[in-house]
Amino acid sequence: MNIYHDAGELIIGTRLKRLSERFLLNITRIYKTLDIPFEPAWFPMFFILYKYGPKSVTEIAELLDITHSAVSQQATVLERKKLVHFVPSETDKRKRLLNFTNKGQKLIDQVLPVWQSIKHNMRRMLEENPNTGNILQALSEIEEISADKDIYTRVLQDLREHHFTIMDILPYSLEYENEYKSLIFDWFIDNAETEVENQDFLNEPMAVIEHKKGQITLAKPEQEIVGTVACKYHNNTHAEILFLIVKADWRQRQIGRILLMDVLKSLRELGFIKVTAHTDRKHIAALKVLRFCGFELQEMHQGLEQTLSDKTILEFSIKL
């Protein structure tokens, strides 16, 4: 029995993550053994400044294809360690560029021989097997293909084509107020013991949107609203799924999964990094959707309030 063989493409992300973690662990051990105060996480920024010279935060973010915020955070860490500092651009004094300090330059001189050895030995290791010799080219091609049309887009398109005649995922608007409220209240009639603290999402959904307290997403296959996800913003990085509801006669058609995947993509694009959800353990369908979309169980406790003390509430979270 070989899970990696049996799962095939389904476990590619896990295998790449495991391989990356193992590789970075070994690189960390190399620096520690050599008593070089360098962290593998610093490599991309260090390499850019070494290879291309001083760069702005925006330029580094574009080169690495990551957020401006992520680069700023790492720059702050390296500034505190006095390895980099900001200098004015020679062509535009208003523009600030990151560059090495004297301490940072000395560290570069220490790590360069290590980088050369890592590169040399990685190449030798990859060339030991004909199937691994072109892995760097293959990775570049995967990145290009994914940038053109990522797996999220491909999977949702496939699910929609095979499960729905027409499937629209829409933001809440007044046009759908009656259908939305009908969907919510019908669900709560069937689940009378369930309580929601954020009544605004039930009674004043448009106010929630206008005041940027959260978002409400609707599923509309064919000509009716059959599902919704309501999401509350706790702050700029943490959001919470308040409820995920799909009409009973539509629950075998993956609508909940597609809705939640779309919401998570939207939250990621807005800069959120953590999403939580609480649900009663009796809501099996919701539990399956959360797990399918990558949420992990964090806690089990008896209710969120005294009124819910007779229930086992499960708390899930996912990092985006």
Protein backbone atom coordinates (compact mmCIF):
# COMPACT_ATOMS: atom_id res chain seq x y z
CA MET A 1 0.00 0.00 0.00
CA ASN A 2 1.54 3.30 -1.16
CA ILE A 3 -0.53 6.43 -0.52
CA TYR A 4 1.65 8.61 -2.75
CA HIS A 5 1.19 6.24 -5.68
CA ASP A 6 -2.52 5.68 -5.03
CA ALA A 7 -3.37 9.37 -4.52
CA GLY A 8 -1.34 10.48 -7.53
CA GLU A 9 -2.04 14.09 -8.55
CA LEU A 10 -4.31 14.60 -5.52
CA ILE A 11 -1.33 14.70 -3.18
CA ILE A 12 1.10 16.74 -5.29
CA GLY A 13 0.79 19.80 -3.00
CA THR A 14 1.47 17.73 0.12
CA ARG A 15 4.50 16.07 -1.46
CA LEU A 16 5.98 19.37 -2.64
CA LYS A 17 5.43 20.88 0.81
CA ARG A 18 7.03 17.88 2.53
CA LEU A 19 10.00 17.97 0.14
CA SER A 20 10.39 21.73 0.67
CA GLU A 21 10.28 21.39 4.46
CA ARG A 22 12.86 18.60 4.40
CA PHE A 23 15.12 20.62 2.11
CA LEU A 24 14.87 23.79 4.23
CA LEU A 25 15.51 21.80 7.42
CA ASN A 26 18.76 20.50 5.94
CA ILE A 27 19.78 23.97 4.76
CA THR A 28 19.13 25.33 8.26
CA ARG A 29 21.34 22.59 9.70
CA ILE A 30 24.13 23.57 7.30
CA TYR A 31 24.13 27.20 8.47
CA LYS A 32 23.98 26.19 12.13
CA THR A 33 26.82 23.68 11.75
CA LEU A 34 28.96 26.35 10.08
CA ASP A 35 27.94 28.90 12.74
CA ILE A 36 26.61 31.30 10.09
CA PRO A 37 23.72 33.45 11.43
CA PHE A 38 21.56 33.10 8.31
CA GLU A 39 17.95 31.93 7.91
CA PRO A 40 16.77 30.17 4.71
CA ALA A 41 13.71 32.43 4.68
CA TRP A 42 16.00 35.40 4.04
CA PHE A 43 17.47 33.90 0.87
CA PRO A 44 15.11 35.40 -1.76
CA MET A 45 15.64 38.99 -0.58
CA PHE A 46 19.36 38.52 -0.01
CA PHE A 47 19.79 36.97 -3.45
CA ILE A 48 17.90 39.80 -5.16
CA LEU A 49 19.97 42.51 -3.46
CA TYR A 50 23.20 40.59 -4.16
CA LYS A 51 22.34 39.80 -7.79
CA TYR A 52 20.53 42.97 -8.88
CA GLY A 53 21.61 45.63 -6.40
CA PRO A 54 19.38 47.97 -4.34
CA LYS A 55 15.66 47.52 -4.96
CA SER A 56 12.44 49.03 -3.65
CA VAL A 57 9.93 46.96 -1.69
CA THR A 58 7.57 47.10 -4.67
CA GLU A 59 10.26 45.87 -7.07
CA ILE A 60 11.16 42.97 -4.77
CA ALA A 61 7.48 42.01 -4.41
CA GLU A 62 7.12 41.95 -8.20
CA LEU A 63 10.25 39.86 -8.68
CA LEU A 64 9.10 37.30 -6.08
CA ASP A 65 5.43 37.50 -7.08
CA ILE A 66 4.35 38.01 -3.47
CA THR A 67 2.52 40.79 -1.65
CA HIS A 68 4.02 44.17 -0.81
CA SER A 69 3.10 43.48 2.83
CA ALA A 70 5.09 40.23 2.94
CA VAL A 71 8.22 41.98 1.64
CA SER A 72 7.76 44.87 4.08
CA GLN A 73 7.51 42.48 7.01
CA GLN A 74 10.73 40.69 6.09
CA ALA A 75 12.50 43.98 5.40
CA THR A 76 11.53 45.11 8.90
CA VAL A 77 13.00 41.92 10.39
CA LEU A 78 16.27 42.37 8.51
CA GLU A 79 16.41 46.08 9.39
CA ARG A 80 16.12 45.24 13.09
CA LYS A 81 19.02 42.84 12.69
CA LYS A 82 20.95 45.67 10.99
CA LEU A 83 21.48 43.58 7.85
CA VAL A 84 19.68 45.93 5.43
CA HIS A 85 18.70 49.58 5.41
CA PHE A 86 16.86 51.99 3.15
CA VAL A 87 18.82 54.37 0.95
CA PRO A 88 17.55 57.08 -1.43
CA SER A 89 17.56 56.27 -5.13
CA GLU A 90 20.24 58.04 -7.14
CA THR A 91 17.71 58.87 -9.87
CA ASP A 92 14.72 59.73 -7.69
CA LYS A 93 15.40 60.99 -4.16
CA ARG A 94 11.77 60.33 -3.17
CA LYS A 95 12.23 56.62 -3.84
CA ARG A 96 13.64 54.45 -1.05
CA LEU A 97 15.66 51.36 -1.93
CA LEU A 98 16.71 48.44 0.23
CA ASN A 99 20.42 47.74 0.34
CA PHE A 100 22.88 45.80 2.49
CA THR A 101 24.49 47.39 5.51
CA ASN A 102 28.14 46.64 6.20
CA LYS A 103 26.97 43.85 8.50
CA GLY A 104 24.73 42.47 5.76
CA GLN A 105 27.56 42.60 3.20
CA LYS A 106 29.83 40.64 5.56
CA LEU A 107 27.08 38.03 5.95
CA ILE A 108 26.77 37.76 2.15
CA ASP A 109 30.51 37.08 1.95
CA GLN A 110 30.00 34.23 4.43
CA VAL A 111 27.04 32.60 2.69
CA LEU A 112 28.23 32.85 -0.93
CA PRO A 113 30.47 29.74 -0.72
CA VAL A 114 27.57 27.88 0.91
CA TRP A 115 25.19 28.87 -1.90
CA GLN A 116 27.70 27.74 -4.51
CA SER A 117 28.09 24.37 -2.79
CA ILE A 118 24.32 23.92 -2.41
CA LYS A 119 23.77 24.71 -6.09
CA HIS A 120 26.57 22.36 -7.18
CA ASN A 121 25.39 19.46 -5.03
CA MET A 122 21.72 19.95 -5.88
CA ARG A 123 22.62 19.75 -9.57
CA ARG A 124 24.62 16.57 -8.98
CA MET A 125 21.79 15.04 -6.97
CA LEU A 126 19.19 15.83 -9.64
CA GLU A 127 21.38 14.40 -12.38
CA GLU A 128 21.62 11.03 -10.61
CA ASN A 129 18.22 10.11 -12.06
CA PRO A 130 17.11 10.87 -15.63
CA ASN A 131 13.59 11.72 -14.42
CA THR A 132 14.83 14.48 -12.10
CA GLY A 133 17.32 16.11 -14.43
CA ASN A 134 14.76 18.57 -15.82
CA ILE A 135 12.88 19.30 -12.59
CA LEU A 136 13.70 23.03 -12.62
CA GLN A 137 12.34 23.40 -16.13
CA ALA A 138 9.27 21.36 -15.14
CA LEU A 139 8.66 23.60 -12.11
CA SER A 140 8.89 26.70 -14.29
CA GLU A 141 6.38 25.23 -16.71
CA ILE A 142 3.98 24.32 -13.88
CA GLU A 143 4.23 27.88 -12.54
CA GLU A 144 3.50 29.33 -15.99
CA ILE A 145 0.56 27.01 -16.58
CA SER A 146 -0.85 27.75 -13.13
CA ALA A 147 -0.48 31.50 -13.62
CA ASP A 148 -2.40 31.23 -16.88
CA LYS A 149 -5.18 29.08 -15.38
CA ASP A 150 -4.76 27.82 -11.82
CA ILE A 151 -6.15 24.60 -10.36
CA TYR A 152 -8.88 26.53 -8.53
CA THR A 153 -10.27 27.87 -11.82
CA ARG A 154 -9.93 24.50 -13.54
CA VAL A 155 -11.68 22.55 -10.76
CA LEU A 156 -14.55 25.01 -10.40
CA GLN A 157 -15.06 25.10 -14.15
CA ASP A 158 -15.11 21.30 -14.27
CA LEU A 159 -17.52 21.00 -11.33
CA ARG A 160 -19.85 23.57 -12.83
CA GLU A 161 -19.84 21.94 -16.25
CA HIS A 162 -20.64 18.52 -14.79
CA HIS A 163 -23.05 19.52 -12.03
CA PHE A 164 -24.88 22.65 -13.14
CA THR A 165 -26.51 24.00 -16.28
CA ILE A 166 -25.63 27.53 -15.18
CA MET A 167 -23.85 28.37 -11.95
CA ASP A 168 -23.35 31.97 -10.91
CA ILE A 169 -21.61 32.99 -7.70
CA LEU A 170 -22.77 36.48 -6.81
CA PRO A 171 -22.15 39.10 -4.13
CA TYR A 172 -25.21 40.04 -2.09
CA SER A 173 -27.34 42.90 -3.40
CA LEU A 174 -30.82 44.26 -2.71
CA GLU A 175 -32.04 42.43 -5.81
CA TYR A 176 -31.73 39.16 -3.90
CA GLU A 177 -32.91 40.37 -0.47
CA ASN A 178 -36.15 38.37 -0.38
CA GLU A 179 -34.59 35.15 -1.67
CA TYR A 180 -31.66 35.50 0.73
CA LYS A 181 -33.83 36.08 3.79
CA SER A 182 -36.19 33.29 2.78
CA LEU A 183 -33.24 30.92 2.46
CA ILE A 184 -31.89 31.94 5.87
CA PHE A 185 -35.17 31.80 7.75
CA ASP A 186 -36.16 28.45 6.22
CA TRP A 187 -32.88 27.01 7.41
CA PHE A 188 -33.31 28.40 10.91
CA ILE A 189 -36.83 26.98 11.11
CA ASP A 190 -35.33 23.55 10.49
CA ASN A 191 -32.52 24.27 12.96
CA ALA A 192 -34.37 26.23 15.63
CA GLU A 193 -31.80 25.47 18.34
CA THR A 194 -29.02 27.16 16.36
CA GLU A 195 -28.23 30.72 17.42
CA VAL A 196 -26.36 33.42 15.54
CA GLU A 197 -24.81 36.30 17.47
CA ASN A 198 -24.46 38.60 14.46
CA GLN A 199 -28.10 39.38 13.75
CA ASP A 200 -27.16 42.11 11.26
CA PHE A 201 -26.29 39.41 8.74
CA LEU A 202 -29.89 38.20 9.03
CA ASN A 203 -31.82 41.44 9.42
CA GLU A 204 -29.68 44.14 7.78
CA PRO A 205 -27.42 42.38 5.26
CA MET A 206 -27.01 45.46 3.06
CA ALA A 207 -25.76 47.49 6.03
CA VAL A 208 -23.13 44.83 6.68
CA ILE A 209 -21.86 45.20 3.12
CA GLU A 210 -21.96 49.01 3.08
CA HIS A 211 -20.10 49.31 6.40
CA LYS A 212 -17.55 46.70 5.30
CA LYS A 213 -18.24 44.48 8.29
CA GLY A 214 -18.19 41.38 6.13
CA GLN A 215 -19.33 39.82 2.89
CA ILE A 216 -22.25 37.68 1.77
CA THR A 217 -21.91 35.40 -1.24
CA LEU A 218 -24.79 33.73 -3.07
CA ALA A 219 -25.08 30.66 -5.29
CA LYS A 220 -27.47 30.88 -8.22
CA PRO A 221 -27.65 27.79 -10.42
CA GLU A 222 -30.30 28.24 -13.08
CA GLN A 223 -32.74 30.94 -11.89
CA GLU A 224 -32.89 30.79 -8.08
CA ILE A 225 -30.72 31.51 -5.07
CA VAL A 226 -30.02 28.15 -3.44
CA GLY A 227 -27.00 28.78 -1.21
CA THR A 228 -25.14 31.44 0.73
CA VAL A 229 -21.99 31.99 2.78
CA ALA A 230 -21.87 34.86 5.28
CA CYS A 231 -18.44 35.99 6.38
CA LYS A 232 -17.64 38.48 9.17
CA TYR A 233 -14.45 40.59 9.17
CA HIS A 234 -12.87 40.65 12.64
CA ASN A 235 -9.94 42.78 11.47
CA ASN A 236 -7.83 43.24 8.34
CA THR A 237 -6.38 39.72 8.50
CA HIS A 238 -8.95 37.55 10.32
CA ALA A 239 -12.38 36.63 8.97
CA GLU A 240 -15.01 34.20 10.28
CA ILE A 241 -17.52 32.07 8.38
CA LEU A 242 -20.78 32.70 10.25
CA PHE A 243 -22.94 30.33 8.25
CA LEU A 244 -22.93 28.27 5.09
CA ILE A 245 -26.42 27.32 3.93
CA VAL A 246 -27.59 25.34 0.92
CA LYS A 247 -31.19 24.36 0.15
CA ALA A 248 -31.88 20.74 1.04
CA ASP A 249 -32.68 19.59 -2.48
CA TRP A 250 -29.40 21.04 -3.81
CA ARG A 251 -27.00 19.60 -1.23
CA GLN A 252 -25.70 16.71 -3.33
CA ARG A 253 -24.36 18.96 -6.09
CA GLN A 254 -21.22 20.40 -4.45
CA ILE A 255 -22.66 23.92 -4.12
CA GLY A 256 -21.37 24.37 -0.57
CA ARG A 257 -17.85 23.44 -1.60
CA ILE A 258 -17.83 25.72 -4.62
CA LEU A 259 -19.26 28.62 -2.63
CA LEU A 260 -16.74 28.29 0.19
CA MET A 261 -13.81 27.87 -2.19
CA ASP A 262 -14.87 31.07 -3.96
CA VAL A 263 -15.17 32.94 -0.65
CA LEU A 264 -11.70 31.78 0.46
CA LYS A 265 -10.22 32.95 -2.85
CA SER A 266 -11.88 36.34 -2.40
CA LEU A 267 -10.60 36.66 1.18
CA ARG A 268 -7.08 35.73 0.11
CA GLU A 269 -7.15 38.43 -2.59
CA LEU A 270 -8.33 40.97 0.02
CA GLY A 271 -5.30 40.22 2.20
CA PHE A 272 -6.87 38.03 4.88
CA ILE A 273 -4.55 35.34 6.25
CA LYS A 274 -6.77 33.46 8.71
CA VAL A 275 -10.37 32.26 8.49
CA THR A 276 -12.24 30.55 11.33
CA ALA A 277 -15.58 28.77 11.57
CA HIS A 278 -17.67 27.33 14.42
CA THR A 279 -20.26 24.63 13.94
CA ASP A 280 -22.28 22.13 15.92
CA ARG A 281 -20.97 18.61 15.39
CA LYS A 282 -24.42 17.49 14.23
CA HIS A 283 -24.07 19.52 11.02
CA ILE A 284 -22.29 16.75 9.15
CA ALA A 285 -22.61 18.34 5.70
CA ALA A 286 -21.00 21.58 6.88
CA LEU A 287 -18.19 19.66 8.58
CA LYS A 288 -17.44 17.81 5.35
CA VAL A 289 -17.36 21.04 3.34
CA LEU A 290 -14.98 22.70 5.84
CA ARG A 291 -12.61 19.74 5.79
CA PHE A 292 -12.76 19.48 2.00
CA CYS A 293 -11.76 23.15 1.67
CA GLY A 294 -8.76 22.73 3.98
CA PHE A 295 -10.07 23.83 7.38
CA GLU A 296 -8.45 22.09 10.36
CA LEU A 297 -10.08 21.35 13.71
CA GLN A 298 -8.65 23.60 16.44
CA GLU A 299 -10.91 23.08 19.47
CA MET A 300 -13.94 21.24 20.80
CA HIS A 301 -15.85 22.97 23.58
CA GLN A 302 -19.26 23.16 25.15
CA GLY A 303 -21.00 26.01 23.43
CA LEU A 304 -20.02 29.59 22.73
CA GLU A 305 -22.44 30.92 25.34
CA GLN A 306 -24.39 29.57 28.28
CA THR A 307 -27.40 29.12 26.01
CA LEU A 308 -25.37 26.65 23.99
CA SER A 309 -23.74 24.84 26.89
CA ASP A 310 -25.44 21.55 26.07
CA LYS A 311 -23.77 21.36 22.65
CA THR A 312 -20.35 20.35 21.48
CA ILE A 313 -19.11 23.17 19.26
CA LEU A 314 -16.23 22.55 16.88
CA GLU A 315 -13.86 25.37 15.98
CA PHE A 316 -12.05 25.18 12.65
CA SER A 317 -9.51 27.46 11.01
CA ILE A 318 -7.52 27.74 7.80
CA LYS A 319 -4.49 29.86 6.89
CA LEU A 320 -4.66 31.48 3.45
